[in-house]
Protein backbone atom coordinates (compact mmCIF):
# COMPACT_ATOMS: atom_id res chain seq x y z
CA MET A 1 -34.46 -13.88 -29.53
CA THR A 2 -35.94 -12.89 -26.34
CA ALA A 3 -36.78 -15.46 -23.65
CA THR A 4 -39.88 -15.96 -24.27
CA GLY A 5 -39.50 -15.63 -27.96
CA THR A 6 -40.47 -19.63 -29.38
CA PRO A 7 -37.11 -20.64 -30.03
CA THR A 8 -36.51 -20.47 -26.16
CA LEU A 9 -39.38 -22.07 -25.93
CA LEU A 10 -38.60 -25.23 -28.14
CA GLY A 11 -35.69 -25.78 -26.34
CA VAL A 12 -37.53 -25.52 -22.34
CA ALA A 13 -40.16 -27.73 -23.59
CA ALA A 14 -37.55 -30.32 -25.60
CA GLY A 15 -35.93 -30.11 -22.28
CA ALA A 16 -38.46 -30.71 -19.92
CA ALA A 17 -40.09 -33.69 -22.22
CA LEU A 18 -36.32 -35.53 -22.60
CA ALA A 19 -36.62 -35.61 -19.08
CA VAL A 20 -39.47 -37.25 -18.48
CA PRO A 21 -38.84 -41.40 -17.84
CA GLY A 22 -39.96 -43.87 -20.71
CA VAL A 23 -39.16 -41.32 -23.10
CA ALA A 24 -35.97 -42.34 -26.00
CA GLY A 25 -36.61 -39.23 -27.63
CA LEU A 26 -38.31 -36.75 -29.44
CA GLN A 27 -39.72 -37.55 -33.43
CA PRO A 28 -38.47 -34.40 -35.83
CA ARG A 29 -41.37 -33.36 -38.12
CA LEU A 30 -41.55 -33.64 -41.13
CA ALA A 31 -41.12 -30.92 -42.28
CA HIS A 32 -37.24 -30.73 -40.45
CA CYS A 33 -36.66 -34.11 -41.96
CA LEU A 34 -37.50 -32.69 -45.77
CA ALA A 35 -34.73 -29.84 -45.19
CA ALA A 36 -32.42 -31.59 -43.84
CA ALA A 37 -32.39 -34.06 -46.94
CA ALA A 38 -32.14 -30.96 -49.12
CA ALA A 39 -29.88 -29.63 -47.20
CA PRO A 40 -26.16 -29.20 -49.14
CA THR A 41 -24.54 -33.01 -48.96
CA ARG A 42 -21.74 -32.60 -45.58
CA THR A 43 -18.18 -33.15 -46.48
CA ASP A 44 -17.52 -34.96 -43.07
CA SER A 45 -18.17 -38.56 -42.33
CA ALA A 46 -20.33 -37.67 -39.19
CA PRO A 47 -24.15 -38.51 -39.80
CA HIS A 48 -26.25 -35.55 -39.39
CA ARG A 49 -28.29 -35.06 -36.32
CA MET A 50 -31.39 -33.07 -35.52
CA PRO A 51 -31.97 -31.24 -32.58
CA PRO A 52 -34.18 -32.32 -30.02
CA GLU A 53 -36.14 -29.17 -30.54
CA ALA A 54 -37.42 -29.90 -34.22
CA GLY A 55 -39.54 -32.59 -32.47
CA ILE A 56 -41.87 -29.46 -30.85
CA ARG A 57 -43.49 -26.80 -31.91
CA ALA A 58 -44.75 -23.96 -31.02
CA ASP A 59 -47.39 -21.47 -32.49
CA ARG A 60 -49.09 -18.67 -30.48
CA ALA A 61 -52.68 -19.04 -29.63
CA PRO A 62 -54.43 -17.32 -32.48
CA ASP A 63 -56.01 -14.90 -30.40
CA GLY A 64 -52.81 -13.80 -28.40
CA SER A 65 -53.86 -15.20 -25.06
CA GLY A 66 -50.66 -18.00 -25.00
CA TRP A 67 -49.20 -20.42 -26.52
CA ARG A 68 -49.57 -24.42 -28.25
CA ILE A 69 -47.38 -26.48 -28.26
CA GLU A 70 -47.18 -29.79 -29.79
CA VAL A 71 -44.64 -32.81 -28.34
CA ARG A 72 -43.57 -35.54 -30.94
CA CYS A 73 -41.97 -38.28 -28.67
CA VAL A 74 -40.65 -41.96 -29.10
CA LEU A 75 -40.98 -44.08 -26.15
CA ALA A 76 -39.23 -46.86 -24.17
CA GLU A 77 -40.41 -49.74 -24.89
CA GLY A 78 -41.61 -51.53 -21.05
CA HIS A 79 -43.26 -47.50 -20.79
CA ARG A 80 -47.33 -47.70 -20.24
CA THR A 81 -47.63 -44.91 -22.91
CA LEU A 82 -50.65 -43.27 -21.51
CA ASP A 83 -48.69 -42.60 -18.00
CA THR A 84 -45.76 -41.32 -20.54
CA ALA A 85 -47.50 -39.28 -22.47
CA GLN A 86 -49.65 -37.73 -19.83
CA ASN A 87 -46.42 -36.70 -17.47
CA VAL A 88 -44.54 -35.28 -20.78
CA HIS A 89 -47.92 -33.03 -20.89
CA ASP A 90 -47.93 -31.74 -17.59
CA ARG A 91 -44.03 -31.55 -16.97
CA VAL A 92 -43.69 -29.45 -20.58
CA ARG A 93 -47.11 -27.16 -19.34
CA THR A 94 -45.29 -26.53 -16.19
CA ALA A 95 -41.91 -25.73 -17.59
CA VAL A 96 -43.39 -23.62 -20.13
CA THR A 97 -45.49 -21.86 -17.58
CA SER A 98 -42.81 -21.17 -14.98
CA HIS A 99 -40.28 -20.06 -18.29
CA LEU A 100 -43.17 -17.45 -19.25
CA ALA A 101 -43.10 -16.44 -15.46
CA ALA A 102 -39.82 -16.34 -15.00
CA HIS A 103 -39.19 -13.95 -17.81
CA GLY A 104 -41.95 -11.42 -16.98
CA VAL A 105 -44.87 -12.49 -18.61
CA ALA A 106 -47.06 -11.38 -15.86
CA GLU A 107 -51.07 -11.89 -17.27
CA PRO A 108 -52.30 -15.43 -17.09
CA VAL A 109 -51.17 -17.13 -20.43
CA THR A 110 -52.61 -20.59 -21.97
CA VAL A 111 -50.53 -23.36 -22.30
CA THR A 112 -52.07 -25.72 -23.88
CA VAL A 113 -49.75 -28.69 -24.98
CA ALA A 114 -50.50 -31.80 -27.03
CA VAL A 115 -48.15 -34.90 -27.25
CA THR A 116 -47.87 -37.47 -29.87
CA VAL A 117 -46.83 -40.65 -29.20
CA THR A 118 -44.85 -41.32 -32.84
CA ARG A 119 -43.95 -44.94 -31.68
CA ILE A 120 -42.31 -47.40 -29.43
CA ALA A 121 -38.41 -47.99 -29.50
CA ALA A 122 -37.22 -51.49 -29.30
CA ARG A 123 -34.52 -52.17 -26.13
CA PRO A 124 -31.30 -52.84 -27.76
CA GLY A 125 -30.76 -56.24 -28.73
CA THR A 126 -33.78 -57.46 -28.54
CA ALA A 127 -36.11 -57.90 -32.21
């Protein structure tokens, strides 16, 4: 796969989102959860873990002019939701745009980022 393909962009976006203070993790989309549930039973006792990229969706814009990135975040309790979501938006957009530019995408590329906060994770030990 090329450095500007969808799997690579998922990793870039996931890394940028997870680096934001207040992001506890990324929430996999329903399709990923269903696929994991339908997978053959594992013989080992280790729990199945979803890759962080499962919480990101990247699609080419219909006209081919850029990318649409969807980020599904779980935020940590004690952080301002709006500020954290805005920070995720900005960092993911910057990271994806920089990655595309670094890998030879010469024409101006539009990167649209949508951030969805799926839940707020309680701090360990609080109930």
